[in-house]
Amino acid sequence: MSDKPSLLIVDDDTLITDTLAYALGKDFEVMVSSSRSHALSLVRGLETPPQLALVDLGLPPVPHRPDEGFKLVTDLLACSPAMKILVLSGQNDAANARHARTLGATDFVAKPCNADSLKKLLLHALQFRTAEISGGAGAEGDLLIGDSQVLKKLKSQISQYADSPFPALIEGESGSGKEVVASGLHHLSLRRDKPWFALNCAAISPTLVEPTLFGYCKGAFTGANTNKSGYFEDAQEGTLFLDEIGELPLELQAKLLRVLENGEFQRVGETQQRISHARVIAATNRDLRHEIRNGRFRADLYHRLSVFSVSVPPLREMGEDKTLLLDHFSRFYAEQAKLAPFKLDEGASTLWQEYRFPGNVRELKNIVIRLTTKYPGQKLSPLELEPELEADAAQPEAGAEPAVSGDPQALIAQAQRHLQRERNFNLDDMLKAWEQGYIEAAMRISHGNVSQAARMLGINRTTLYSRMEQQEKK
């Protein structure tokens, strides 16, 4: 086992991957991939996900677009939220850079990049990752800092539900801190001294989920050379956290339901009944009710998991807590990097408070890391802060026309106002603009996941690809 930090490089240009692997191989344990699907398969097959990743945005099957790269950033962080991702791309316009960082990338580096500079950035990201994992920014209390009403409600629910033996379902957007809530439910309970096991259902190959959860006996499948217990058996009186529960294969959902109902399970390849008394906490950023309607999640499992339901608020709803978190993390990361913390002037503070943080606390932390590195000890104005924020995530401007509602009378009234103002109105252009707006909105909400965006829009994926291609040709 190498002592070097692990690094995944994803680029479809073999010259680039070979060059970077050679240049960075002295300091990192490098693995390479040329596509999103291969990269995910590689990561899910590893015992431990890579600590760092360099991801190109332009990946097949559409290398001229950044969609696959955006989706890979989201997928990798679903597999390993602690992974630090640097986007290395020739598609280096400001919008792509901002959106990649919003999705959770630590930073954006334009091609070509000097290998020594890249190494320095990677080691810097690794330093912050190590600090987070060692109990700083990753400790369960850290992301529950604040006094907003929504956060007080969340803290109250954690205290109220912590000691119950029944399952709990934590729902919330990506990057909002669901694992922190799960950890809080365990550490505030009487089970705090019992085992804590966590399985990210998105981070493991579907074929490995069952033996990981339930264990297996010798000879159950190729490579099963001995008997091995699973998480349910090892957790016993403790807590088992199932993150990204929406990714659990449908055929395994019935087996999970059985354990939740009576504690019974079997190791793979064994007939002996075993019992687990572990408490199950699950988390998801999907709308499981929508998944149920589309036949991808069992309704009975959903109702069993959601005996207690906890909704983690997005950062945009937390008011002044955004500033409290800024102060907390700027001190923490400055201390780790042995740098003076930065400050915001009045204009930058207002901009910070108005920003909607589509990437939630994960995005906030990455912004603070970049600002700490770039501007140690400085007082920043909006000029320095604004490039770190995604332009489309600002609050709507005062006086802007409200979106069209589903009310026919409101729609007619708004259309009348628009026609009276516009002398050169064209219905086709207006409909195309609306279509483009809804497609872009769905792609942002789904973080570039075309399948998810298509479901949101009520069309199939092929149709969505076709309409996106048409927009590109305009």
Protein backbone atom coordinates (compact mmCIF):
# COMPACT_ATOMS: atom_id res chain seq x y z
CA MET A 1 0.00 0.00 0.00
CA SER A 2 1.53 3.33 -1.05
CA ASP A 3 1.95 6.13 1.47
CA LYS A 4 1.49 8.68 -1.28
CA PRO A 5 -1.86 10.51 -1.52
CA SER A 6 -4.17 9.07 -4.19
CA LEU A 7 -5.05 11.11 -7.27
CA LEU A 8 -7.57 10.34 -10.02
CA ILE A 9 -6.96 12.06 -13.38
CA VAL A 10 -9.88 12.02 -15.85
CA ASP A 11 -9.20 13.25 -19.39
CA ASP A 12 -9.90 11.72 -22.81
CA ASP A 13 -6.56 12.97 -24.17
CA THR A 14 -4.00 10.22 -23.47
CA LEU A 15 -1.11 12.63 -24.07
CA ILE A 16 -2.37 14.78 -21.19
CA THR A 17 -3.03 11.85 -18.82
CA ASP A 18 0.36 10.28 -19.60
CA THR A 19 2.18 13.58 -19.13
CA LEU A 20 0.41 14.41 -15.86
CA ALA A 21 0.79 10.87 -14.53
CA TYR A 22 4.53 11.08 -15.16
CA ALA A 23 4.92 14.60 -13.77
CA LEU A 24 2.82 13.97 -10.64
CA GLY A 25 3.66 10.30 -10.10
CA LYS A 26 6.56 11.05 -7.75
CA ASP A 27 4.25 12.72 -5.25
CA PHE A 28 0.89 11.00 -5.83
CA GLU A 29 -0.47 7.52 -6.37
CA VAL A 30 -1.98 8.26 -9.80
CA MET A 31 -4.84 6.45 -11.53
CA VAL A 32 -6.22 7.60 -14.88
CA SER A 33 -9.51 7.38 -16.72
CA SER A 34 -10.84 8.68 -20.03
CA SER A 35 -14.61 8.89 -19.39
CA ARG A 36 -17.19 9.52 -16.69
CA SER A 37 -18.54 5.96 -16.72
CA HIS A 38 -15.06 4.42 -16.46
CA ALA A 39 -14.02 6.83 -13.72
CA LEU A 40 -17.10 5.97 -11.64
CA SER A 41 -16.58 2.25 -12.17
CA LEU A 42 -12.95 2.65 -11.10
CA VAL A 43 -13.78 4.62 -7.95
CA ARG A 44 -16.61 2.28 -6.90
CA GLY A 45 -14.29 -0.70 -7.25
CA LEU A 46 -11.69 0.75 -4.87
CA GLU A 47 -11.66 -0.01 -1.17
CA THR A 48 -10.97 3.67 -0.48
CA PRO A 49 -11.91 6.47 -2.93
CA PRO A 50 -9.11 8.74 -4.17
CA GLN A 51 -8.33 11.71 -1.96
CA LEU A 52 -7.91 14.05 -4.93
CA ALA A 53 -9.17 14.29 -8.50
CA LEU A 54 -8.25 16.27 -11.62
CA VAL A 55 -11.27 16.32 -13.93
CA ASP A 56 -11.51 17.57 -17.50
CA LEU A 57 -14.88 19.08 -18.40
CA GLY A 58 -14.96 18.00 -22.04
CA LEU A 59 -15.44 14.24 -21.84
CA PRO A 60 -17.03 11.74 -24.24
CA PRO A 61 -19.60 11.25 -25.64
CA VAL A 62 -19.88 15.06 -26.06
CA PRO A 63 -16.30 16.36 -25.56
CA HIS A 64 -17.19 19.76 -27.04
CA ARG A 65 -19.60 20.40 -24.13
CA PRO A 66 -18.85 20.59 -20.39
CA ASP A 67 -21.91 18.51 -19.37
CA GLU A 68 -20.08 15.21 -18.72
CA GLY A 69 -17.42 16.94 -16.65
CA PHE A 70 -20.06 18.73 -14.57
CA LYS A 71 -21.88 15.45 -13.98
CA LEU A 72 -18.66 13.70 -13.01
CA VAL A 73 -17.89 16.34 -10.36
CA THR A 74 -21.34 15.71 -8.87
CA ASP A 75 -20.98 11.92 -9.12
CA LEU A 76 -17.53 11.83 -7.52
CA LEU A 77 -18.67 13.95 -4.59
CA ALA A 78 -21.69 11.68 -4.17
CA CYS A 79 -19.23 8.78 -3.93
CA SER A 80 -16.86 10.61 -1.59
CA PRO A 81 -17.93 14.00 -0.15
CA ALA A 82 -14.43 14.47 1.31
CA MET A 83 -12.73 14.25 -2.11
CA LYS A 84 -11.06 17.46 -3.30
CA ILE A 85 -11.63 18.01 -7.02
CA LEU A 86 -9.74 20.38 -9.27
CA VAL A 87 -11.26 20.94 -12.70
CA LEU A 88 -8.53 21.07 -15.34
CA SER A 89 -10.01 22.14 -18.65
CA GLY A 90 -9.52 23.97 -21.90
CA GLN A 91 -13.15 25.09 -21.65
CA ASN A 92 -12.08 27.89 -19.37
CA ASP A 93 -14.74 30.55 -19.73
CA ALA A 94 -15.82 32.20 -16.48
CA ALA A 95 -19.30 30.63 -16.47
CA ASN A 96 -17.89 27.09 -16.63
CA ALA A 97 -15.38 27.85 -13.89
CA ARG A 98 -18.04 29.25 -11.60
CA HIS A 99 -20.49 26.44 -12.23
CA ALA A 100 -17.85 23.75 -11.60
CA ARG A 101 -17.03 25.38 -8.26
CA THR A 102 -20.73 25.64 -7.42
CA LEU A 103 -21.07 21.89 -7.95
CA GLY A 104 -18.34 21.32 -5.37
CA ALA A 105 -15.02 21.53 -7.22
CA THR A 106 -12.36 23.08 -5.02
CA ASP A 107 -10.92 25.11 -7.86
CA PHE A 108 -10.73 25.52 -11.64
CA VAL A 109 -7.41 25.39 -13.49
CA ALA A 110 -7.16 26.35 -17.17
CA LYS A 111 -5.12 24.31 -19.62
CA PRO A 112 -2.24 24.37 -20.19
CA CYS A 113 -1.03 24.32 -16.59
CA ASN A 114 2.51 24.13 -15.23
CA ALA A 115 3.02 20.80 -13.44
CA ASP A 116 4.74 22.43 -10.44
CA SER A 117 1.86 24.88 -10.00
CA LEU A 118 -0.62 22.02 -10.28
CA LYS A 119 1.28 20.00 -7.69
CA LYS A 120 1.22 22.96 -5.33
CA LEU A 121 -2.55 23.37 -5.74
CA LEU A 122 -3.14 19.65 -5.16
CA LEU A 123 -1.02 19.57 -2.02
CA HIS A 124 -2.81 22.66 -0.75
CA ALA A 125 -6.20 21.00 -1.33
CA LEU A 126 -4.93 17.84 0.39
CA GLN A 127 -3.85 19.90 3.41
CA PHE A 128 -7.36 21.31 3.83
CA ARG A 129 -8.93 17.89 3.29
CA THR A 130 -6.75 16.36 6.02
CA ALA A 131 -7.69 19.18 8.40
CA GLU A 132 -11.42 18.66 7.74
CA ILE A 133 -11.27 14.91 8.29
CA SER A 134 -9.14 15.16 11.43
CA GLY A 135 -12.02 16.81 13.25
CA GLY A 136 -11.95 20.45 12.21
CA ALA A 137 -14.43 21.47 9.55
CA GLY A 138 -15.84 17.97 9.37
CA ALA A 139 -16.85 17.59 13.03
CA GLU A 140 -20.53 17.20 13.64
CA GLY A 141 -20.99 20.51 15.45
CA ASP A 142 -19.31 22.65 12.83
CA LEU A 143 -22.00 22.72 10.16
CA LEU A 144 -24.74 23.37 12.73
CA ILE A 145 -23.43 26.83 13.54
CA GLY A 146 -26.02 29.58 13.52
CA ASP A 147 -29.11 31.09 15.11
CA SER A 148 -31.63 31.09 12.26
CA GLN A 149 -35.09 29.67 12.94
CA VAL A 150 -34.63 26.87 10.38
CA LEU A 151 -31.37 25.80 12.04
CA LYS A 152 -32.91 25.93 15.51
CA LYS A 153 -35.69 23.67 14.26
CA LEU A 154 -33.11 21.25 12.82
CA LYS A 155 -31.16 21.13 16.10
CA SER A 156 -34.38 20.54 17.99
CA GLN A 157 -35.29 17.61 15.72
CA ILE A 158 -31.85 16.06 16.15
CA SER A 159 -32.16 16.22 19.95
CA GLN A 160 -35.74 14.94 19.86
CA TYR A 161 -35.08 11.98 17.55
CA ALA A 162 -31.58 10.98 18.70
CA ASP A 163 -32.56 8.36 21.29
CA SER A 164 -35.28 6.65 19.29
CA PRO A 165 -34.54 3.10 18.07
CA PHE A 166 -36.63 3.71 14.94
CA PRO A 167 -35.25 4.64 11.50
CA ALA A 168 -34.79 8.25 10.43
CA LEU A 169 -34.70 9.69 6.92
CA ILE A 170 -32.64 12.82 6.28
CA GLU A 171 -33.54 14.77 3.15
CA GLY A 172 -31.72 17.77 1.73
CA GLU A 173 -29.82 19.21 -1.20
CA SER A 174 -26.28 18.18 -2.11
CA GLY A 175 -23.70 19.83 0.11
CA SER A 176 -26.16 20.80 2.83
CA GLY A 177 -24.63 18.62 5.56
CA LYS A 178 -26.83 15.51 5.76
CA GLU A 179 -24.01 13.30 7.07
CA VAL A 180 -23.35 15.83 9.82
CA VAL A 181 -27.00 15.54 10.89
CA ALA A 182 -26.77 11.74 10.85
CA SER A 183 -23.61 11.88 12.95
CA GLY A 184 -25.38 14.21 15.37
CA LEU A 185 -28.28 11.76 15.74
CA HIS A 186 -25.76 9.05 16.71
CA HIS A 187 -23.53 11.09 19.01
CA LEU A 188 -26.42 12.60 20.96
CA SER A 189 -27.98 9.17 21.55
CA LEU A 190 -27.34 6.49 24.16
CA ARG A 191 -25.70 4.55 21.30
CA ARG A 192 -22.84 7.04 21.11
CA ASP A 193 -20.36 4.49 22.52
CA LYS A 194 -21.61 1.76 20.19
CA PRO A 195 -20.34 1.18 16.63
CA TRP A 196 -21.04 3.70 13.87
CA PHE A 197 -20.94 2.41 10.30
CA ALA A 198 -21.59 4.46 7.17
CA LEU A 199 -22.19 3.18 3.65
CA ASN A 200 -22.50 5.51 0.70
CA CYS A 201 -24.80 3.63 -1.67
CA ALA A 202 -23.56 5.74 -4.60
CA ALA A 203 -19.91 4.96 -3.91
CA ILE A 204 -20.03 1.21 -4.26
CA SER A 205 -20.75 -1.12 -7.16
CA PRO A 206 -24.37 -2.43 -7.00
CA THR A 207 -23.03 -6.01 -6.95
CA LEU A 208 -21.07 -5.27 -3.77
CA VAL A 209 -23.86 -3.59 -1.79
CA GLU A 210 -25.49 -6.82 -0.57
CA PRO A 211 -22.30 -8.53 0.71
CA THR A 212 -21.17 -5.25 2.27
CA LEU A 213 -24.45 -4.84 4.18
CA PHE A 214 -25.19 -8.46 5.05
CA GLY A 215 -21.84 -10.24 4.80
CA TYR A 216 -21.12 -13.48 2.94
CA CYS A 217 -19.95 -17.03 3.51
CA LYS A 218 -16.98 -18.75 1.94
CA GLY A 219 -17.60 -19.74 -1.68
CA ALA A 220 -20.72 -17.56 -2.09
CA PHE A 221 -19.17 -15.90 -5.16
CA THR A 222 -15.84 -15.58 -6.94
CA GLY A 223 -13.33 -14.08 -4.55
CA ALA A 224 -15.24 -15.04 -1.37
CA ASN A 225 -12.38 -17.01 0.15
CA THR A 226 -13.56 -16.77 3.73
CA ASN A 227 -16.61 -16.00 5.84
CA LYS A 228 -17.13 -12.28 6.40
CA SER A 229 -19.62 -10.31 8.44
CA GLY A 230 -21.42 -7.28 7.00
CA TYR A 231 -22.31 -3.86 8.35
CA PHE A 232 -25.60 -4.97 9.92
CA GLU A 233 -23.82 -7.68 11.86
CA ASP A 234 -20.89 -5.45 12.89
CA ALA A 235 -23.07 -2.49 13.89
CA GLN A 236 -25.31 -4.61 16.17
CA GLU A 237 -26.50 -2.17 18.91
CA GLY A 238 -24.96 0.84 17.17
CA THR A 239 -25.96 2.96 14.16
CA LEU A 240 -25.81 2.21 10.44
CA PHE A 241 -25.91 5.27 8.17
CA LEU A 242 -26.99 4.63 4.58
CA ASP A 243 -26.15 7.71 2.53
CA GLU A 244 -27.63 8.24 -0.95
CA ILE A 245 -30.31 5.63 -0.18
CA GLY A 246 -32.02 6.49 -3.48
CA GLU A 247 -29.16 4.69 -5.26
CA LEU A 248 -29.92 1.37 -3.56
CA PRO A 249 -30.77 -1.26 -6.22
CA LEU A 250 -34.47 -2.11 -6.31
CA GLU A 251 -33.85 -5.81 -5.70
CA LEU A 252 -32.05 -5.04 -2.43
CA GLN A 253 -34.75 -2.73 -1.13
CA ALA A 254 -36.95 -5.70 -0.13
CA LYS A 255 -34.09 -7.20 1.89
CA LEU A 256 -33.46 -3.89 3.63
CA LEU A 257 -37.17 -3.60 4.42
CA ARG A 258 -37.08 -7.02 6.08
CA VAL A 259 -34.21 -6.01 8.38
CA LEU A 260 -36.02 -2.82 9.31
CA GLU A 261 -39.20 -4.72 10.16
CA ASN A 262 -37.82 -7.57 12.26
CA GLY A 263 -34.04 -7.28 12.33
CA GLU A 264 -33.58 -10.51 10.33
CA PHE A 265 -31.02 -10.95 7.56
CA GLN A 266 -28.84 -13.62 5.98
CA ARG A 267 -25.28 -13.53 4.78
CA VAL A 268 -24.94 -14.01 1.02
CA GLY A 269 -24.77 -17.74 0.29
CA GLU A 270 -26.07 -18.73 3.72
CA THR A 271 -29.46 -19.91 5.01
CA GLN A 272 -28.92 -19.13 8.69
CA GLN A 273 -31.05 -16.27 10.01
CA ARG A 274 -29.17 -13.56 11.88
CA ILE A 275 -30.45 -10.63 13.91
CA SER A 276 -29.25 -7.03 14.03
CA HIS A 277 -30.41 -4.36 16.46
CA ALA A 278 -28.63 -1.53 14.67
CA ARG A 279 -30.53 1.71 14.20
CA VAL A 280 -30.73 2.72 10.54
CA ILE A 281 -30.41 6.34 9.45
CA ALA A 282 -30.76 7.04 5.72
CA ALA A 283 -30.12 10.18 3.68
CA THR A 284 -30.93 11.32 0.17
CA ASN A 285 -30.86 14.39 -2.04
CA ARG A 286 -33.49 12.82 -4.32
CA ASP A 287 -37.23 13.26 -4.09
CA LEU A 288 -38.09 9.71 -3.05
CA ARG A 289 -41.80 10.30 -3.62
CA HIS A 290 -40.97 11.05 -7.25
CA GLU A 291 -38.81 7.91 -7.37
CA ILE A 292 -41.74 5.88 -6.00
CA ARG A 293 -44.08 7.22 -8.70
CA ASN A 294 -41.56 6.18 -11.34
CA GLY A 295 -41.09 2.69 -9.92
CA ARG A 296 -37.51 3.19 -8.74
CA PHE A 297 -38.13 3.10 -4.99
CA ARG A 298 -40.45 0.99 -2.87
CA ALA A 299 -43.26 2.87 -1.14
CA ASP A 300 -43.23 0.49 1.84
CA LEU A 301 -39.49 1.01 2.33
CA TYR A 302 -39.92 4.77 2.14
CA HIS A 303 -42.60 4.75 4.83
CA ARG A 304 -40.51 2.46 7.03
CA LEU A 305 -37.40 4.65 6.69
CA SER A 306 -39.25 7.90 7.30
CA VAL A 307 -40.66 7.08 10.76
CA PHE A 308 -38.75 10.24 11.64
CA SER A 309 -38.11 12.65 8.77
CA VAL A 310 -35.51 15.40 9.02
CA SER A 311 -35.25 18.10 6.35
CA VAL A 312 -31.87 19.85 6.20
CA PRO A 313 -32.41 23.46 5.12
CA PRO A 314 -30.47 24.83 2.15
CA LEU A 315 -28.00 27.55 3.01
CA ARG A 316 -30.01 30.21 1.15
CA GLU A 317 -32.72 29.90 3.83
CA MET A 318 -30.36 30.44 6.75
CA GLY A 319 -30.09 34.24 6.71
CA GLU A 320 -27.30 35.65 8.86
CA ASP A 321 -25.95 32.16 9.50
CA LYS A 322 -24.11 32.49 6.17
CA THR A 323 -21.94 35.18 7.76
CA LEU A 324 -21.41 33.16 10.96
CA LEU A 325 -20.25 30.21 8.86
CA LEU A 326 -17.96 32.50 6.86
CA ASP A 327 -16.30 33.73 10.08
CA HIS A 328 -15.97 30.20 11.43
CA PHE A 329 -14.43 28.64 8.33
CA SER A 330 -12.19 31.60 7.49
CA ARG A 331 -10.59 31.30 10.94
CA PHE A 332 -10.34 27.51 10.65
CA TYR A 333 -8.73 27.38 7.20
CA ALA A 334 -6.41 30.30 7.90
CA GLU A 335 -5.17 28.52 11.00
CA GLN A 336 -4.61 25.29 9.07
CA ALA A 337 -2.69 27.10 6.32
CA LYS A 338 -0.83 29.27 8.85
CA LEU A 339 -2.14 32.40 7.13
CA ALA A 340 -3.94 35.48 8.35
CA PRO A 341 -7.71 35.27 7.77
CA PHE A 342 -9.27 37.55 5.13
CA LYS A 343 -12.08 40.01 5.84
CA LEU A 344 -14.93 41.37 3.73
CA ASP A 345 -15.69 45.07 3.41
CA GLU A 346 -19.25 46.33 3.66
CA GLY A 347 -20.02 45.86 -0.04
CA ALA A 348 -18.58 42.35 -0.13
CA SER A 349 -20.46 41.43 3.06
CA THR A 350 -23.72 42.51 1.43
CA LEU A 351 -22.89 40.49 -1.69
CA TRP A 352 -22.08 37.46 0.49
CA GLN A 353 -25.35 37.77 2.39
CA GLU A 354 -27.42 38.08 -0.80
CA TYR A 355 -25.73 35.15 -2.57
CA ARG A 356 -27.92 32.03 -2.76
CA PHE A 357 -25.16 29.37 -2.47
CA PRO A 358 -26.60 26.73 -4.84
CA GLY A 359 -23.84 24.36 -3.66
CA ASN A 360 -24.75 24.96 0.00
CA VAL A 361 -22.17 24.58 2.80
CA ARG A 362 -19.80 22.59 0.59
CA GLU A 363 -19.66 25.52 -1.85
CA LEU A 364 -19.22 28.01 1.00
CA LYS A 365 -16.26 26.07 2.37
CA ASN A 366 -14.56 25.89 -1.04
CA ILE A 367 -15.04 29.63 -1.57
CA VAL A 368 -13.43 30.29 1.82
CA ILE A 369 -10.51 27.98 0.96
CA ARG A 370 -9.84 29.86 -2.29
CA LEU A 371 -10.12 33.29 -0.70
CA THR A 372 -7.86 32.25 2.18
CA THR A 373 -5.23 31.08 -0.30
CA LYS A 374 -5.47 34.07 -2.65
CA TYR A 375 -5.97 36.95 -0.22
CA PRO A 376 -4.48 36.12 3.20
CA GLY A 377 -4.95 38.94 5.72
CA GLN A 378 -6.64 41.24 3.18
CA LYS A 379 -9.93 43.11 3.28
CA LEU A 380 -11.88 42.14 0.18
CA SER A 381 -14.26 44.24 -1.88
CA PRO A 382 -16.96 42.91 -4.25
CA LEU A 383 -14.30 43.10 -6.99
CA GLU A 384 -12.38 40.19 -5.42
CA LEU A 385 -15.41 38.27 -4.15
CA GLU A 386 -17.68 38.36 -7.20
CA PRO A 387 -15.51 36.10 -9.47
CA GLU A 388 -15.85 33.33 -6.85
CA LEU A 389 -19.66 33.33 -7.01
CA GLU A 390 -21.93 31.91 -9.70
CA ALA A 391 -23.53 34.85 -11.49
CA ASP A 392 -26.99 33.28 -11.84
CA ALA A 393 -27.27 32.51 -8.12
CA ALA A 394 -27.89 36.11 -7.03
CA GLN A 395 -31.23 37.28 -5.67
CA PRO A 396 -33.72 38.47 -8.33
CA GLU A 397 -33.48 42.16 -9.09
CA ALA A 398 -36.12 44.43 -7.63
CA GLY A 399 -38.86 45.21 -10.12
CA ALA A 400 -38.16 42.19 -12.29
CA GLU A 401 -41.14 40.63 -14.04
CA PRO A 402 -42.33 37.64 -12.00
CA ALA A 403 -42.25 34.21 -13.60
CA VAL A 404 -45.38 33.07 -15.37
CA SER A 405 -47.60 31.16 -12.97
CA GLY A 406 -49.87 28.23 -13.72
CA ASP A 407 -52.96 30.44 -13.32
CA PRO A 408 -54.50 31.02 -16.80
CA GLN A 409 -55.79 34.50 -15.84
CA ALA A 410 -52.35 35.55 -14.57
CA LEU A 411 -50.79 34.19 -17.74
CA ILE A 412 -53.18 36.15 -19.95
CA ALA A 413 -52.63 39.34 -17.94
CA GLN A 414 -48.86 39.03 -18.17
CA ALA A 415 -49.05 38.30 -21.93
CA GLN A 416 -51.20 41.41 -22.42
CA ARG A 417 -48.68 43.60 -20.58
CA HIS A 418 -45.84 42.15 -22.64
CA LEU A 419 -47.60 42.62 -26.00
CA GLN A 420 -48.45 46.22 -25.17
CA ARG A 421 -44.80 46.96 -24.40
CA GLU A 422 -43.21 45.14 -27.33
CA ARG A 423 -43.59 46.49 -30.86
CA ASN A 424 -41.64 43.68 -32.61
CA PHE A 425 -42.93 40.69 -30.70
CA ASN A 426 -42.40 37.23 -32.21
CA LEU A 427 -44.21 34.27 -30.65
CA ASP A 428 -41.75 31.65 -31.96
CA ASP A 429 -38.80 33.53 -30.47
CA MET A 430 -40.61 33.88 -27.15
CA LEU A 431 -41.47 30.16 -26.99
CA LYS A 432 -37.89 29.21 -27.84
CA ALA A 433 -36.61 31.53 -25.11
CA TRP A 434 -38.99 29.96 -22.57
CA GLU A 435 -37.91 26.47 -23.62
CA GLN A 436 -34.25 27.38 -23.31
CA GLY A 437 -34.85 28.94 -19.90
CA TYR A 438 -36.60 25.85 -18.56
CA ILE A 439 -33.91 23.53 -19.95
CA GLU A 440 -31.13 25.60 -18.39
CA ALA A 441 -33.03 25.73 -15.07
CA ALA A 442 -33.53 21.95 -15.05
CA MET A 443 -29.85 21.35 -15.88
CA ARG A 444 -28.77 23.61 -13.02
CA ILE A 445 -31.16 22.04 -10.50
CA SER A 446 -29.98 18.55 -11.52
CA HIS A 447 -26.32 19.68 -11.51
CA GLY A 448 -25.91 18.69 -15.15
CA ASN A 449 -27.58 15.29 -14.87
CA VAL A 450 -29.39 15.02 -18.21
CA SER A 451 -31.56 12.07 -17.18
CA GLN A 452 -32.72 13.85 -14.05
CA ALA A 453 -33.35 17.09 -15.96
CA ALA A 454 -35.39 15.23 -18.58
CA ARG A 455 -37.57 13.65 -15.88
CA MET A 456 -38.07 17.09 -14.35
CA LEU A 457 -39.17 18.49 -17.71
CA GLY A 458 -41.46 15.54 -18.48
CA ILE A 459 -39.61 14.50 -21.65
CA ASN A 460 -37.25 11.65 -22.43
CA ARG A 461 -33.46 12.07 -22.42
CA THR A 462 -33.12 11.72 -26.21
CA THR A 463 -35.59 14.57 -26.75
CA LEU A 464 -33.72 16.75 -24.27
CA TYR A 465 -30.38 16.07 -26.00
CA SER A 466 -31.99 16.93 -29.35
CA ARG A 467 -33.38 20.24 -28.09
CA MET A 468 -30.07 21.16 -26.48
CA GLU A 469 -28.30 20.48 -29.78
CA GLN A 470 -30.83 22.70 -31.60
CA GLN A 471 -30.15 25.54 -29.17
CA GLU A 472 -26.42 25.20 -29.78
CA LYS A 473 -26.90 25.64 -33.54
CA LYS A 474 -28.80 28.91 -33.15
